[in-house]
Amino acid sequence: MAETIILCTADEVIEGEIKQAPLPDGTNVALYRVAGTIYATADMCTHGEASLAEEGIITGKIVECTFHFGTFDVTTGEPTGMPCEIPLKTYPVTVVDGRVQIEV
């Protein structure tokens, strides 16, 4: 059964930046605002052990992992540039009363 987790306020997710937020299991998610919509993915690159929030660069809807320069579409999690081949886990996001929530 899915659990709803409140991560932060919507104002904390800024266009052109990546926000890291912890989950109860100790892993992190990366939050992105793209054209006003907030998206959430796993924070760790699927190719190498690099935090996208700490090491990544977001341009539009594409996040680049600076570890090996692979890229992902944050709206779908799909890899868009080598060497990344495995999609990022994505989470459904809702904003309720100004708070960002995801289903885990």
PDB file of N, CA and C in Angstrom:
ATOM      1  N   MET A   1       0.840  -1.184   0.000  1.00  0.00           N
ATOM      2  CA  MET A   1       0.000   0.000   0.000  1.00  0.00           C
ATOM      3  C   MET A   1       0.884   1.246   0.000  1.00  0.00           C
ATOM      4  N   ALA A   2       0.551   2.196  -0.843  1.00  0.00           N
ATOM      5  CA  ALA A   2       1.348   3.425  -0.959  1.00  0.00           C
ATOM      6  C   ALA A   2       1.183   4.291   0.282  1.00  0.00           C
ATOM      7  N   GLU A   3       2.264   4.948   0.622  1.00  0.00           N
ATOM      8  CA  GLU A   3       2.275   5.863   1.766  1.00  0.00           C
ATOM      9  C   GLU A   3       2.574   7.263   1.251  1.00  0.00           C
ATOM     10  N   THR A   4       1.848   8.248   1.767  1.00  0.00           N
ATOM     11  CA  THR A   4       2.083   9.638   1.386  1.00  0.00           C
ATOM     12  C   THR A   4       3.102  10.253   2.332  1.00  0.00           C
ATOM     13  N   ILE A   5       4.136  10.852   1.755  1.00  0.00           N
ATOM     14  CA  ILE A   5       5.205  11.494   2.525  1.00  0.00           C
ATOM     15  C   ILE A   5       5.231  12.975   2.168  1.00  0.00           C
ATOM     16  N   ILE A   6       5.212  13.837   3.172  1.00  0.00           N
ATOM     17  CA  ILE A   6       5.380  15.279   2.954  1.00  0.00           C
ATOM     18  C   ILE A   6       6.877  15.572   2.990  1.00  0.00           C
ATOM     19  N   LEU A   7       7.379  16.215   1.931  1.00  0.00           N
ATOM     20  CA  LEU A   7       8.821  16.434   1.806  1.00  0.00           C
ATOM     21  C   LEU A   7       9.271  17.844   2.164  1.00  0.00           C
ATOM     22  N   CYS A   8       8.511  18.857   1.743  1.00  0.00           N
ATOM     23  CA  CYS A   8       8.925  20.242   1.932  1.00  0.00           C
ATOM     24  C   CYS A   8       7.779  21.140   1.485  1.00  0.00           C
ATOM     25  N   THR A   9       8.005  22.440   1.530  1.00  0.00           N
ATOM     26  CA  THR A   9       7.016  23.348   0.956  1.00  0.00           C
ATOM     27  C   THR A   9       7.315  23.518  -0.527  1.00  0.00           C
ATOM     28  N   ALA A  10       6.297  23.831  -1.288  1.00  0.00           N
ATOM     29  CA  ALA A  10       6.478  24.014  -2.732  1.00  0.00           C
ATOM     30  C   ALA A  10       7.437  25.161  -3.033  1.00  0.00           C
ATOM     31  N   ASP A  11       7.454  26.181  -2.185  1.00  0.00           N
ATOM     32  CA  ASP A  11       8.349  27.325  -2.388  1.00  0.00           C
ATOM     33  C   ASP A  11       9.824  26.940  -2.316  1.00  0.00           C
ATOM     34  N   GLU A  12      10.130  25.816  -1.664  1.00  0.00           N
ATOM     35  CA  GLU A  12      11.517  25.373  -1.536  1.00  0.00           C
ATOM     36  C   GLU A  12      12.054  24.721  -2.811  1.00  0.00           C
ATOM     37  N   VAL A  13      11.170  24.362  -3.727  1.00  0.00           N
ATOM     38  CA  VAL A  13      11.586  23.729  -4.984  1.00  0.00           C
ATOM     39  C   VAL A  13      11.636  24.827  -6.042  1.00  0.00           C
ATOM     40  N   ILE A  14      12.848  25.209  -6.410  1.00  0.00           N
ATOM     41  CA  ILE A  14      13.083  26.380  -7.257  1.00  0.00           C
ATOM     42  C   ILE A  14      13.460  25.936  -8.667  1.00  0.00           C
ATOM     43  N   GLU A  15      12.837  26.566  -9.642  1.00  0.00           N
ATOM     44  CA  GLU A  15      13.143  26.289 -11.057  1.00  0.00           C
ATOM     45  C   GLU A  15      14.649  26.470 -11.288  1.00  0.00           C
ATOM     46  N   GLY A  16      15.270  25.495 -11.963  1.00  0.00           N
ATOM     47  CA  GLY A  16      16.694  25.577 -12.270  1.00  0.00           C
ATOM     48  C   GLY A  16      17.601  25.060 -11.171  1.00  0.00           C
ATOM     49  N   GLU A  17      17.013  24.570 -10.070  1.00  0.00           N
ATOM     50  CA  GLU A  17      17.794  23.996  -8.971  1.00  0.00           C
ATOM     51  C   GLU A  17      17.267  22.600  -8.667  1.00  0.00           C
ATOM     52  N   ILE A  18      18.045  21.818  -7.936  1.00  0.00           N
ATOM     53  CA  ILE A  18      17.637  20.477  -7.529  1.00  0.00           C
ATOM     54  C   ILE A  18      17.618  20.447  -6.010  1.00  0.00           C
ATOM     55  N   LYS A  19      16.488  20.040  -5.443  1.00  0.00           N
ATOM     56  CA  LYS A  19      16.360  19.957  -3.987  1.00  0.00           C
ATOM     57  C   LYS A  19      16.386  18.494  -3.571  1.00  0.00           C
ATOM     58  N   GLN A  20      17.182  18.193  -2.569  1.00  0.00           N
ATOM     59  CA  GLN A  20      17.247  16.848  -2.012  1.00  0.00           C
ATOM     60  C   GLN A  20      16.323  16.767  -0.805  1.00  0.00           C
ATOM     61  N   ALA A  21      15.601  15.647  -0.692  1.00  0.00           N
ATOM     62  CA  ALA A  21      14.721  15.440   0.459  1.00  0.00           C
ATOM     63  C   ALA A  21      14.839  13.986   0.912  1.00  0.00           C
ATOM     64  N   PRO A  22      14.904  13.761   2.231  1.00  0.00           N
ATOM     65  CA  PRO A  22      15.057  12.395   2.738  1.00  0.00           C
ATOM     66  C   PRO A  22      13.721  11.653   2.802  1.00  0.00           C
ATOM     67  N   LEU A  23      13.798  10.335   2.628  1.00  0.00           N
ATOM     68  CA  LEU A  23      12.654   9.452   2.825  1.00  0.00           C
ATOM     69  C   LEU A  23      12.829   8.723   4.154  1.00  0.00           C
ATOM     70  N   PRO A  24      11.746   8.191   4.709  1.00  0.00           N
ATOM     71  CA  PRO A  24      11.859   7.484   5.994  1.00  0.00           C
ATOM     72  C   PRO A  24      12.817   6.296   5.975  1.00  0.00           C
ATOM     73  N   ASP A  25      13.045   5.685   4.800  1.00  0.00           N
ATOM     74  CA  ASP A  25      13.945   4.525   4.736  1.00  0.00           C
ATOM     75  C   ASP A  25      15.424   4.907   4.666  1.00  0.00           C
ATOM     76  N   GLY A  26      15.719   6.215   4.701  1.00  0.00           N
ATOM     77  CA  GLY A  26      17.104   6.672   4.688  1.00  0.00           C
ATOM     78  C   GLY A  26      17.625   7.039   3.316  1.00  0.00           C
ATOM     79  N   THR A  27      16.884   6.733   2.254  1.00  0.00           N
ATOM     80  CA  THR A  27      17.288   7.156   0.916  1.00  0.00           C
ATOM     81  C   THR A  27      16.788   8.577   0.673  1.00  0.00           C
ATOM     82  N   ASN A  28      17.221   9.157  -0.425  1.00  0.00           N
ATOM     83  CA  ASN A  28      16.816  10.524  -0.760  1.00  0.00           C
ATOM     84  C   ASN A  28      16.118  10.568  -2.105  1.00  0.00           C
ATOM     85  N   VAL A  29      15.285  11.583  -2.268  1.00  0.00           N
ATOM     86  CA  VAL A  29      14.705  11.886  -3.568  1.00  0.00           C
ATOM     87  C   VAL A  29      15.241  13.235  -4.006  1.00  0.00           C
ATOM     88  N   ALA A  30      15.226  13.442  -5.317  1.00  0.00           N
ATOM     89  CA  ALA A  30      15.587  14.735  -5.892  1.00  0.00           C
ATOM     90  C   ALA A  30      14.303  15.366  -6.417  1.00  0.00           C
ATOM     91  N   LEU A  31      14.115  16.639  -6.101  1.00  0.00           N
ATOM     92  CA  LEU A  31      12.928  17.375  -6.530  1.00  0.00           C
ATOM     93  C   LEU A  31      13.334  18.445  -7.523  1.00  0.00           C
ATOM     94  N   TYR A  32      12.519  18.606  -8.550  1.00  0.00           N
ATOM     95  CA  TYR A  32      12.792  19.556  -9.625  1.00  0.00           C
ATOM     96  C   TYR A  32      11.502  20.312  -9.940  1.00  0.00           C
ATOM     97  N   ARG A  33      11.613  21.582 -10.291  1.00  0.00           N
ATOM     98  CA  ARG A  33      10.464  22.340 -10.799  1.00  0.00           C
ATOM     99  C   ARG A  33      10.757  22.635 -12.269  1.00  0.00           C
ATOM    100  N   VAL A  34       9.888  22.126 -13.133  1.00  0.00           N
ATOM    101  CA  VAL A  34      10.040  22.298 -14.577  1.00  0.00           C
ATOM    102  C   VAL A  34       8.770  22.954 -15.106  1.00  0.00           C
ATOM    103  N   ALA A  35       8.907  24.169 -15.626  1.00  0.00           N
ATOM    104  CA  ALA A  35       7.768  24.923 -16.165  1.00  0.00           C
ATOM    105  C   ALA A  35       6.621  24.981 -15.156  1.00  0.00           C
ATOM    106  N   GLY A  36       6.985  25.162 -13.876  1.00  0.00           N
ATOM    107  CA  GLY A  36       5.999  25.323 -12.822  1.00  0.00           C
ATOM    108  C   GLY A  36       5.502  24.042 -12.181  1.00  0.00           C
ATOM    109  N   THR A  37       5.817  22.888 -12.761  1.00  0.00           N
ATOM    110  CA  THR A  37       5.379  21.598 -12.221  1.00  0.00           C
ATOM    111  C   THR A  37       6.529  20.950 -11.467  1.00  0.00           C
ATOM    112  N   ILE A  38       6.227  20.346 -10.314  1.00  0.00           N
ATOM    113  CA  ILE A  38       7.253  19.700  -9.495  1.00  0.00           C
ATOM    114  C   ILE A  38       7.289  18.206  -9.804  1.00  0.00           C
ATOM    115  N   TYR A  39       8.503  17.692  -9.983  1.00  0.00           N
ATOM    116  CA  TYR A  39       8.741  16.273 -10.257  1.00  0.00           C
ATOM    117  C   TYR A  39       9.694  15.724  -9.197  1.00  0.00           C
ATOM    118  N   ALA A  40       9.598  14.406  -8.951  1.00  0.00           N
ATOM    119  CA  ALA A  40      10.476  13.744  -7.982  1.00  0.00           C
ATOM    120  C   ALA A  40      11.034  12.466  -8.590  1.00  0.00           C
ATOM    121  N   THR A  41      12.345  12.270  -8.402  1.00  0.00           N
ATOM    122  CA  THR A  41      13.010  11.039  -8.832  1.00  0.00           C
ATOM    123  C   THR A  41      13.900  10.554  -7.694  1.00  0.00           C
ATOM    124  N   ALA A  42      14.359   9.318  -7.833  1.00  0.00           N
ATOM    125  CA  ALA A  42      15.420   8.853  -6.946  1.00  0.00           C
ATOM    126  C   ALA A  42      16.589   9.821  -7.088  1.00  0.00           C
ATOM    127  N   ASP A  43      17.306  10.035  -6.004  1.00  0.00           N
ATOM    128  CA  ASP A  43      18.410  10.996  -6.024  1.00  0.00           C
ATOM    129  C   ASP A  43      19.695  10.414  -6.607  1.00  0.00           C
ATOM    130  N   MET A  44      19.859   9.102  -6.533  1.00  0.00           N
ATOM    131  CA  MET A  44      21.107   8.491  -6.996  1.00  0.00           C
ATOM    132  C   MET A  44      21.046   8.158  -8.480  1.00  0.00           C
ATOM    133  N   CYS A  45      22.079   8.545  -9.203  1.00  0.00           N
ATOM    134  CA  CYS A  45      22.217   8.186 -10.611  1.00  0.00           C
ATOM    135  C   CYS A  45      22.219   6.661 -10.724  1.00  0.00           C
ATOM    136  N   THR A  46      21.564   6.134 -11.744  1.00  0.00           N
ATOM    137  CA  THR A  46      21.516   4.682 -11.919  1.00  0.00           C
ATOM    138  C   THR A  46      22.791   4.116 -12.538  1.00  0.00           C
ATOM    139  N   HIS A  47      23.687   4.971 -12.969  1.00  0.00           N
ATOM    140  CA  HIS A  47      24.936   4.512 -13.574  1.00  0.00           C
ATOM    141  C   HIS A  47      26.083   4.487 -12.567  1.00  0.00           C
ATOM    142  N   GLY A  48      26.154   5.490 -11.708  1.00  0.00           N
ATOM    143  CA  GLY A  48      27.234   5.573 -10.731  1.00  0.00           C
ATOM    144  C   GLY A  48      26.694   6.052  -9.403  1.00  0.00           C
ATOM    145  N   GLU A  49      27.471   5.944  -8.380  1.00  0.00           N
ATOM    146  CA  GLU A  49      27.048   6.356  -7.040  1.00  0.00           C
ATOM    147  C   GLU A  49      27.208   7.859  -6.873  1.00  0.00           C
ATOM    148  N   ALA A  50      26.340   8.610  -7.525  1.00  0.00           N
ATOM    149  CA  ALA A  50      26.401  10.068  -7.447  1.00  0.00           C
ATOM    150  C   ALA A  50      25.016  10.617  -7.150  1.00  0.00           C
ATOM    151  N   SER A  51      24.952  11.559  -6.218  1.00  0.00           N
ATOM    152  CA  SER A  51      23.701  12.236  -5.887  1.00  0.00           C
ATOM    153  C   SER A  51      23.398  13.272  -6.959  1.00  0.00           C
ATOM    154  N   LEU A  52      22.216  13.171  -7.550  1.00  0.00           N
ATOM    155  CA  LEU A  52      21.831  14.158  -8.555  1.00  0.00           C
ATOM    156  C   LEU A  52      21.616  15.525  -7.920  1.00  0.00           C
ATOM    157  N   ALA A  53      21.094  15.556  -6.689  1.00  0.00           N
ATOM    158  CA  ALA A  53      20.869  16.839  -6.014  1.00  0.00           C
ATOM    159  C   ALA A  53      22.183  17.529  -5.676  1.00  0.00           C
ATOM    160  N   GLU A  54      23.184  16.752  -5.292  1.00  0.00           N
ATOM    161  CA  GLU A  54      24.466  17.333  -4.895  1.00  0.00           C
ATOM    162  C   GLU A  54      25.399  17.554  -6.081  1.00  0.00           C
ATOM    163  N   GLU A  55      25.344  16.667  -7.081  1.00  0.00           N
ATOM    164  CA  GLU A  55      26.302  16.692  -8.182  1.00  0.00           C
ATOM    165  C   GLU A  55      25.686  17.068  -9.523  1.00  0.00           C
ATOM    166  N   GLY A  56      24.349  17.025  -9.619  1.00  0.00           N
ATOM    167  CA  GLY A  56      23.694  17.178 -10.907  1.00  0.00           C
ATOM    168  C   GLY A  56      23.488  18.618 -11.339  1.00  0.00           C
ATOM    169  N   ILE A  57      23.193  18.754 -12.630  1.00  0.00           N
ATOM    170  CA  ILE A  57      22.870  20.050 -13.228  1.00  0.00           C
ATOM    171  C   ILE A  57      21.552  19.875 -13.965  1.00  0.00           C
ATOM    172  N   ILE A  58      20.577  20.735 -13.682  1.00  0.00           N
ATOM    173  CA  ILE A  58      19.276  20.660 -14.344  1.00  0.00           C
ATOM    174  C   ILE A  58      19.178  21.766 -15.390  1.00  0.00           C
ATOM    175  N   THR A  59      18.789  21.374 -16.596  1.00  0.00           N
ATOM    176  CA  THR A  59      18.562  22.319 -17.686  1.00  0.00           C
ATOM    177  C   THR A  59      17.231  21.939 -18.319  1.00  0.00           C
ATOM    178  N   GLY A  60      16.224  22.773 -18.126  1.00  0.00           N
ATOM    179  CA  GLY A  60      14.888  22.408 -18.591  1.00  0.00           C
ATOM    180  C   GLY A  60      14.425  21.180 -17.850  1.00  0.00           C
ATOM    181  N   LYS A  61      14.053  20.131 -18.595  1.00  0.00           N
ATOM    182  CA  LYS A  61      13.604  18.893 -17.954  1.00  0.00           C
ATOM    183  C   LYS A  61      14.684  17.811 -17.932  1.00  0.00           C
ATOM    184  N   ILE A  62      15.910  18.173 -18.290  1.00  0.00           N
ATOM    185  CA  ILE A  62      17.010  17.210 -18.342  1.00  0.00           C
ATOM    186  C   ILE A  62      17.981  17.461 -17.189  1.00  0.00           C
ATOM    187  N   VAL A  63      18.238  16.391 -16.419  1.00  0.00           N
ATOM    188  CA  VAL A  63      19.242  16.470 -15.362  1.00  0.00           C
ATOM    189  C   VAL A  63      20.480  15.719 -15.845  1.00  0.00           C
ATOM    190  N   GLU A  64      21.633  16.349 -15.644  1.00  0.00           N
ATOM    191  CA  GLU A  64      22.904  15.728 -16.007  1.00  0.00           C
ATOM    192  C   GLU A  64      23.643  15.340 -14.740  1.00  0.00           C
ATOM    193  N   CYS A  65      24.075  14.097 -14.686  1.00  0.00           N
ATOM    194  CA  CYS A  65      24.929  13.635 -13.600  1.00  0.00           C
ATOM    195  C   CYS A  65      26.363  13.973 -13.987  1.00  0.00           C
ATOM    196  N   THR A  66      27.020  14.770 -13.188  1.00  0.00           N
ATOM    197  CA  THR A  66      28.368  15.203 -13.544  1.00  0.00           C
ATOM    198  C   THR A  66      29.433  14.137 -13.276  1.00  0.00           C
ATOM    199  N   PHE A  67      29.034  13.000 -12.711  1.00  0.00           N
ATOM    200  CA  PHE A  67      29.980  11.916 -12.450  1.00  0.00           C
ATOM    201  C   PHE A  67      30.508  11.326 -13.764  1.00  0.00           C
ATOM    202  N   HIS A  68      29.585  10.979 -14.689  1.00  0.00           N
ATOM    203  CA  HIS A  68      29.978  10.475 -16.012  1.00  0.00           C
ATOM    204  C   HIS A  68      29.236  11.188 -17.137  1.00  0.00           C
ATOM    205  N   PHE A  69      28.520  12.250 -16.807  1.00  0.00           N
ATOM    206  CA  PHE A  69      27.834  13.115 -17.776  1.00  0.00           C
ATOM    207  C   PHE A  69      26.645  12.466 -18.480  1.00  0.00           C
ATOM    208  N   GLY A  70      26.068  11.441 -17.867  1.00  0.00           N
ATOM    209  CA  GLY A  70      24.826  10.866 -18.377  1.00  0.00           C
ATOM    210  C   GLY A  70      23.660  11.786 -18.046  1.00  0.00           C
ATOM    211  N   THR A  71      22.561  11.649 -18.782  1.00  0.00           N
ATOM    212  CA  THR A  71      21.414  12.531 -18.582  1.00  0.00           C
ATOM    213  C   THR A  71      20.112  11.739 -18.485  1.00  0.00           C
ATOM    214  N   PHE A  72      19.128  12.374 -17.820  1.00  0.00           N
ATOM    215  CA  PHE A  72      17.803  11.793 -17.636  1.00  0.00           C
ATOM    216  C   PHE A  72      16.744  12.868 -17.841  1.00  0.00           C
ATOM    217  N   ASP A  73      15.573  12.452 -18.300  1.00  0.00           N
ATOM    218  CA  ASP A  73      14.393  13.309 -18.357  1.00  0.00           C
ATOM    219  C   ASP A  73      13.710  13.195 -16.997  1.00  0.00           C
ATOM    220  N   VAL A  74      13.656  14.276 -16.230  1.00  0.00           N
ATOM    221  CA  VAL A  74      13.100  14.201 -14.875  1.00  0.00           C
ATOM    222  C   VAL A  74      11.592  14.019 -14.873  1.00  0.00           C
ATOM    223  N   THR A  75      10.931  14.281 -15.992  1.00  0.00           N
ATOM    224  CA  THR A  75       9.477  14.117 -16.041  1.00  0.00           C
ATOM    225  C   THR A  75       9.071  12.653 -16.198  1.00  0.00           C
ATOM    226  N   THR A  76       9.987  11.829 -16.711  1.00  0.00           N
ATOM    227  CA  THR A  76       9.687  10.410 -16.932  1.00  0.00           C
ATOM    228  C   THR A  76      10.676   9.472 -16.251  1.00  0.00           C
ATOM    229  N   GLY A  77      11.867   9.984 -15.909  1.00  0.00           N
ATOM    230  CA  GLY A  77      12.936   9.158 -15.369  1.00  0.00           C
ATOM    231  C   GLY A  77      13.774   8.478 -16.434  1.00  0.00           C
ATOM    232  N   GLU A  78      13.358   8.574 -17.692  1.00  0.00           N
ATOM    233  CA  GLU A  78      14.058   7.873 -18.775  1.00  0.00           C
ATOM    234  C   GLU A  78      15.447   8.462 -19.028  1.00  0.00           C
ATOM    235  N   PRO A  79      16.446   7.587 -19.258  1.00  0.00           N
ATOM    236  CA  PRO A  79      17.774   8.079 -19.615  1.00  0.00           C
ATOM    237  C   PRO A  79      17.737   8.706 -21.003  1.00  0.00           C
ATOM    238  N   THR A  80      18.461   9.803 -21.164  1.00  0.00           N
ATOM    239  CA  THR A  80      18.486  10.501 -22.451  1.00  0.00           C
ATOM    240  C   THR A  80      19.895  10.641 -23.004  1.00  0.00           C
ATOM    241  N   GLY A  81      20.890  10.211 -22.249  1.00  0.00           N
ATOM    242  CA  GLY A  81      22.269  10.312 -22.707  1.00  0.00           C
ATOM    243  C   GLY A  81      23.141   9.269 -22.049  1.00  0.00           C
ATOM    244  N   MET A  82      24.035   8.702 -22.828  1.00  0.00           N
ATOM    245  CA  MET A  82      24.961   7.676 -22.339  1.00  0.00           C
ATOM    246  C   MET A  82      25.925   8.296 -21.328  1.00  0.00           C
ATOM    247  N   PRO A  83      26.402   7.523 -20.390  1.00  0.00           N
ATOM    248  CA  PRO A  83      26.341   6.075 -20.311  1.00  0.00           C
ATOM    249  C   PRO A  83      25.113   5.534 -19.569  1.00  0.00           C
ATOM    250  N   CYS A  84      24.175   6.382 -19.199  1.00  0.00           N
ATOM    251  CA  CYS A  84      23.005   5.942 -18.432  1.00  0.00           C
ATOM    252  C   CYS A  84      22.051   5.158 -19.327  1.00  0.00           C
ATOM    253  N   GLU A  85      21.630   3.982 -18.837  1.00  0.00           N
ATOM    254  CA  GLU A  85      20.700   3.134 -19.575  1.00  0.00           C
ATOM    255  C   GLU A  85      19.490   2.736 -18.741  1.00  0.00           C
ATOM    256  N   ILE A  86      19.609   2.779 -17.424  1.00  0.00           N
ATOM    257  CA  ILE A  86      18.525   2.373 -16.527  1.00  0.00           C
ATOM    258  C   ILE A  86      17.771   3.620 -16.083  1.00  0.00           C
ATOM    259  N   PRO A  87      16.436   3.626 -16.209  1.00  0.00           N
ATOM    260  CA  PRO A  87      15.661   4.807 -15.805  1.00  0.00           C
ATOM    261  C   PRO A  87      15.768   5.083 -14.306  1.00  0.00           C
ATOM    262  N   LEU A  88      15.584   6.348 -13.954  1.00  0.00           N
ATOM    263  CA  LEU A  88      15.456   6.738 -12.552  1.00  0.00           C
ATOM    264  C   LEU A  88      14.063   6.359 -12.062  1.00  0.00           C
ATOM    265  N   LYS A  89      13.958   5.956 -10.814  1.00  0.00           N
ATOM    266  CA  LYS A  89      12.641   5.754 -10.210  1.00  0.00           C
ATOM    267  C   LYS A  89      11.981   7.120 -10.084  1.00  0.00           C
ATOM    268  N   THR A  90      10.727   7.202 -10.456  1.00  0.00           N
ATOM    269  CA  THR A  90       9.970   8.443 -10.316  1.00  0.00           C
ATOM    270  C   THR A  90       8.872   8.243  -9.283  1.00  0.00           C
ATOM    271  N   TYR A  91       8.426   9.339  -8.710  1.00  0.00           N
ATOM    272  CA  TYR A  91       7.381   9.310  -7.688  1.00  0.00           C
ATOM    273  C   TYR A  91       6.272  10.274  -8.080  1.00  0.00           C
ATOM    274  N   PRO A  92       5.002   9.860  -7.931  1.00  0.00           N
ATOM    275  CA  PRO A  92       3.897  10.790  -8.166  1.00  0.00           C
ATOM    276  C   PRO A  92       3.953  11.926  -7.144  1.00  0.00           C
ATOM    277  N   VAL A  93       3.842  13.153  -7.626  1.00  0.00           N
ATOM    278  CA  VAL A  93       3.921  14.341  -6.765  1.00  0.00           C
ATOM    279  C   VAL A  93       2.568  15.040  -6.746  1.00  0.00           C
ATOM    280  N   THR A  94       2.167  15.459  -5.554  1.00  0.00           N
ATOM    281  CA  THR A  94       1.021  16.357  -5.413  1.00  0.00           C
ATOM    282  C   THR A  94       1.445  17.494  -4.502  1.00  0.00           C
ATOM    283  N   VAL A  95       0.823  18.636  -4.690  1.00  0.00           N
ATOM    284  CA  VAL A  95       1.042  19.775  -3.802  1.00  0.00           C
ATOM    285  C   VAL A  95      -0.296  20.060  -3.130  1.00  0.00           C
ATOM    286  N   VAL A  96      -0.312  19.932  -1.804  1.00  0.00           N
ATOM    287  CA  VAL A  96      -1.524  20.142  -1.022  1.00  0.00           C
ATOM    288  C   VAL A  96      -1.228  21.203   0.030  1.00  0.00           C
ATOM    289  N   ASP A  97      -2.011  22.262   0.015  1.00  0.00           N
ATOM    290  CA  ASP A  97      -1.821  23.364   0.971  1.00  0.00           C
ATOM    291  C   ASP A  97      -0.379  23.865   0.967  1.00  0.00           C
ATOM    292  N   GLY A  98       0.228  23.917  -0.225  1.00  0.00           N
ATOM    293  CA  GLY A  98       1.578  24.441  -0.361  1.00  0.00           C
ATOM    294  C   GLY A  98       2.679  23.480   0.032  1.00  0.00           C
ATOM    295  N   ARG A  99       2.325  22.223   0.332  1.00  0.00           N
ATOM    296  CA  ARG A  99       3.324  21.225   0.727  1.00  0.00           C
ATOM    297  C   ARG A  99       3.474  20.166  -0.357  1.00  0.00           C
ATOM    298  N   VAL A 100       4.717  19.812  -0.648  1.00  0.00           N
ATOM    299  CA  VAL A 100       5.020  18.798  -1.663  1.00  0.00           C
ATOM    300  C   VAL A 100       4.909  17.417  -1.025  1.00  0.00           C
ATOM    301  N   GLN A 101       4.093  16.571  -1.641  1.00  0.00           N
ATOM    302  CA  GLN A 101       3.890  15.207  -1.161  1.00  0.00           C
ATOM    303  C   GLN A 101       4.204  14.227  -2.283  1.00  0.00           C
ATOM    304  N   ILE A 102       4.736  13.064  -1.913  1.00  0.00           N
ATOM    305  CA  ILE A 102       4.926  11.989  -2.885  1.00  0.00           C
ATOM    306  C   ILE A 102       4.327  10.713  -2.326  1.00  0.00           C
ATOM    307  N   GLU A 103       4.066   9.787  -3.239  1.00  0.00           N
ATOM    308  CA  GLU A 103       3.609   8.447  -2.866  1.00  0.00           C
ATOM    309  C   GLU A 103       4.797   7.503  -2.944  1.00  0.00           C
ATOM    310  N   VAL A 104       5.043   6.768  -1.857  1.00  0.00           N
ATOM    311  CA  VAL A 104       6.133   5.780  -1.847  1.00  0.00           C
ATOM    312  C   VAL A 104       5.579   4.413  -1.498  1.00  0.00           C
TER     313      VAL A 104
END
